[in-house]
């Protein structure tokens, strides 16, 4: 049988502490970078460190969301950010498992593949547009020729 875990979203340090005090088994938080909740009040590095320490003192797990990778240029920043998160962790468990690094590498490779595929599709669309214009020109020329000749009887 599985153990059920009460996982509470914590939008601020105050909410994290309340969740911990009121019995959360775990909380999840977002940092100032690489999260989908860009407009939300997210955790600063300092608040994150304090929140993780507080939660761990009370035997509560902390999950940090890293759920957006917008551009290839961001990937080096993700590695640095994950390293910072790893350094915040005070127990022996790592926040940034090796699987994350593999996933980042796969996302970068996939994004490159997608970019190449999109470039190819754009070229195909341009070729179709050129064919359409040529067909219109030929049709117009044919119409003009038949108009110049007058009605056939």
Protein backbone atom coordinates (compact mmCIF):
# COMPACT_ATOMS: atom_id res chain seq x y z
CA UNK A 1 0.00 0.00 0.00
CA UNK A 2 1.24 3.46 -0.85
CA UNK A 3 1.71 6.19 1.70
CA UNK A 4 -0.27 9.30 0.93
CA UNK A 5 1.71 12.53 1.08
CA UNK A 6 0.11 15.88 1.79
CA UNK A 7 1.87 18.16 -0.72
CA UNK A 8 1.10 21.85 -0.36
CA UNK A 9 1.97 24.64 -2.80
CA UNK A 10 3.79 27.46 -1.02
CA UNK A 11 3.74 30.81 -2.78
CA UNK A 12 5.84 32.56 -0.13
CA UNK A 13 8.03 31.90 2.87
CA UNK A 14 5.09 32.70 5.17
CA UNK A 15 2.85 30.16 3.41
CA UNK A 16 5.62 27.54 3.54
CA UNK A 17 5.97 27.98 7.31
CA UNK A 18 2.21 27.79 7.84
CA UNK A 19 1.98 24.62 5.73
CA UNK A 20 4.82 23.02 7.70
CA UNK A 21 3.33 23.98 11.08
CA UNK A 22 -0.10 22.70 10.09
CA UNK A 23 1.14 19.25 9.04
CA UNK A 24 2.21 19.23 5.41
CA UNK A 25 4.39 16.25 4.54
CA UNK A 26 5.95 18.25 1.72
CA UNK A 27 5.72 21.65 0.05
CA UNK A 28 6.55 22.78 -3.43
CA UNK A 29 7.93 26.17 -4.25
CA UNK A 30 9.12 28.11 -7.27
CA UNK A 31 12.21 30.22 -7.53
CA UNK A 32 12.59 33.48 -9.38
CA UNK A 33 13.74 31.70 -12.54
CA UNK A 34 12.53 28.88 -14.78
CA UNK A 35 9.00 28.63 -13.43
CA UNK A 36 5.65 28.93 -15.19
CA UNK A 37 4.32 31.26 -12.52
CA UNK A 38 6.29 34.25 -13.77
CA UNK A 39 3.86 36.83 -12.35
CA UNK A 40 3.58 35.10 -8.97
CA UNK A 41 5.53 36.11 -5.90
CA UNK A 42 8.23 33.45 -6.03
CA UNK A 43 11.02 32.63 -3.63
CA UNK A 44 14.24 34.62 -3.64
CA UNK A 45 17.45 32.67 -3.10
CA UNK A 46 17.54 33.80 0.53
CA UNK A 47 13.89 32.91 1.22
CA UNK A 48 14.39 29.56 -0.46
CA UNK A 49 17.37 28.78 1.78
CA UNK A 50 15.43 29.79 4.89
CA UNK A 51 12.33 27.86 3.81
CA UNK A 52 14.25 24.68 3.02
CA UNK A 53 16.08 24.84 6.35
CA UNK A 54 12.80 25.43 8.23
CA UNK A 55 11.02 22.58 6.46
CA UNK A 56 13.89 20.15 7.01
CA UNK A 57 14.07 21.05 10.70
CA UNK A 58 10.45 19.84 10.89
CA UNK A 59 10.96 16.73 8.74
CA UNK A 60 9.13 18.17 5.74
CA UNK A 61 10.30 17.67 2.15
CA UNK A 62 10.67 20.60 -0.23
CA UNK A 63 10.22 20.29 -3.99
CA UNK A 64 11.40 23.13 -6.18
CA UNK A 65 9.61 23.50 -9.50
CA UNK A 66 11.71 24.05 -12.60
CA UNK A 67 9.11 23.73 -15.28
CA UNK A 68 9.91 26.06 -18.14
CA UNK A 69 12.80 26.13 -20.60
CA UNK A 70 12.06 28.82 -23.13
CA UNK A 71 15.12 29.12 -25.36
CA UNK A 72 18.37 27.33 -26.08
CA UNK A 73 20.23 30.36 -24.75
CA UNK A 74 18.64 29.70 -21.33
CA UNK A 75 20.12 26.21 -20.94
CA UNK A 76 23.47 27.28 -19.44
CA UNK A 77 21.47 29.34 -16.94
CA UNK A 78 19.41 26.28 -16.04
CA UNK A 79 22.56 24.35 -15.18
CA UNK A 80 23.77 27.18 -12.93
CA UNK A 81 20.34 27.50 -11.31
CA UNK A 82 20.14 23.76 -10.61
CA UNK A 83 23.62 23.87 -9.12
CA UNK A 84 22.50 26.70 -6.82
CA UNK A 85 19.51 24.60 -5.77
CA UNK A 86 21.77 21.65 -5.09
CA UNK A 87 23.92 23.81 -2.85
CA UNK A 88 20.82 24.91 -0.88
CA UNK A 89 20.06 21.32 0.00
CA UNK A 90 21.47 20.59 3.46
CA UNK A 91 20.85 16.84 3.59
CA UNK A 92 22.61 14.11 1.62
CA UNK A 93 19.87 13.91 -1.00
CA UNK A 94 20.54 15.82 -4.15
CA UNK A 95 17.89 18.21 -5.48
CA UNK A 96 19.23 17.90 -9.01
CA UNK A 97 19.35 14.23 -9.98
CA UNK A 98 21.39 13.21 -13.00
CA UNK A 99 18.13 12.53 -14.83
CA UNK A 100 17.51 16.30 -14.91
CA UNK A 101 20.79 16.85 -16.71
CA UNK A 102 19.85 14.18 -19.25
CA UNK A 103 16.43 15.78 -19.67
CA UNK A 104 17.99 19.22 -20.21
CA UNK A 105 20.31 17.75 -22.84
CA UNK A 106 17.38 15.95 -24.51
CA UNK A 107 15.30 19.13 -24.52
CA UNK A 108 18.16 21.06 -26.10
CA UNK A 109 18.62 18.39 -28.77
CA UNK A 110 14.87 18.21 -29.37
CA UNK A 111 14.63 21.97 -29.66
CA UNK A 112 17.44 21.94 -32.23
CA UNK A 113 15.64 19.21 -34.20
CA UNK A 114 12.37 21.18 -34.01
CA UNK A 115 14.14 24.34 -35.22
CA UNK A 116 15.58 22.51 -38.22
CA UNK A 117 12.20 20.96 -39.01
CA UNK A 118 10.53 24.38 -38.84
CA UNK A 119 13.15 25.88 -41.16
CA UNK A 120 12.51 23.04 -43.61
CA UNK A 121 8.74 23.61 -43.41
CA UNK A 122 9.23 27.33 -44.04
CA UNK A 123 11.27 26.52 -47.14
CA UNK A 124 8.55 24.10 -48.30
CA UNK A 125 5.89 26.79 -47.77
CA UNK A 126 7.96 29.29 -49.75
CA UNK A 127 8.28 26.76 -52.59
CA UNK A 128 4.50 26.15 -52.58
CA UNK A 129 3.90 29.92 -52.64
CA UNK A 130 6.27 30.27 -55.63
CA UNK A 131 4.38 27.47 -57.43
CA UNK A 132 1.05 29.13 -56.66
CA UNK A 133 2.27 32.46 -58.06
CA UNK A 134 3.65 30.75 -61.17
CA UNK A 135 0.33 28.93 -61.69
CA UNK A 136 -1.54 32.22 -61.34
CA UNK A 137 0.77 33.88 -63.88
CA UNK A 138 0.32 31.05 -66.36
CA UNK A 139 -3.43 31.13 -65.86
CA UNK A 140 -3.47 34.89 -66.38
CA UNK A 141 -1.33 34.58 -69.51
CA UNK A 142 -3.62 31.87 -70.89
CA UNK A 143 -6.68 34.00 -70.14
CA UNK A 144 -5.07 37.04 -71.82
CA UNK A 145 -4.22 34.97 -74.91
CA UNK A 146 -7.76 33.67 -75.22
CA UNK A 147 -9.14 37.18 -74.64
CA UNK A 148 -6.86 38.58 -77.37
CA UNK A 149 -8.04 35.93 -79.82
CA UNK A 150 -11.65 36.69 -79.20
CA UNK A 151 -14.47 34.18 -78.79
CA UNK A 152 -14.03 30.88 -80.56
CA UNK A 153 -16.94 29.66 -82.65
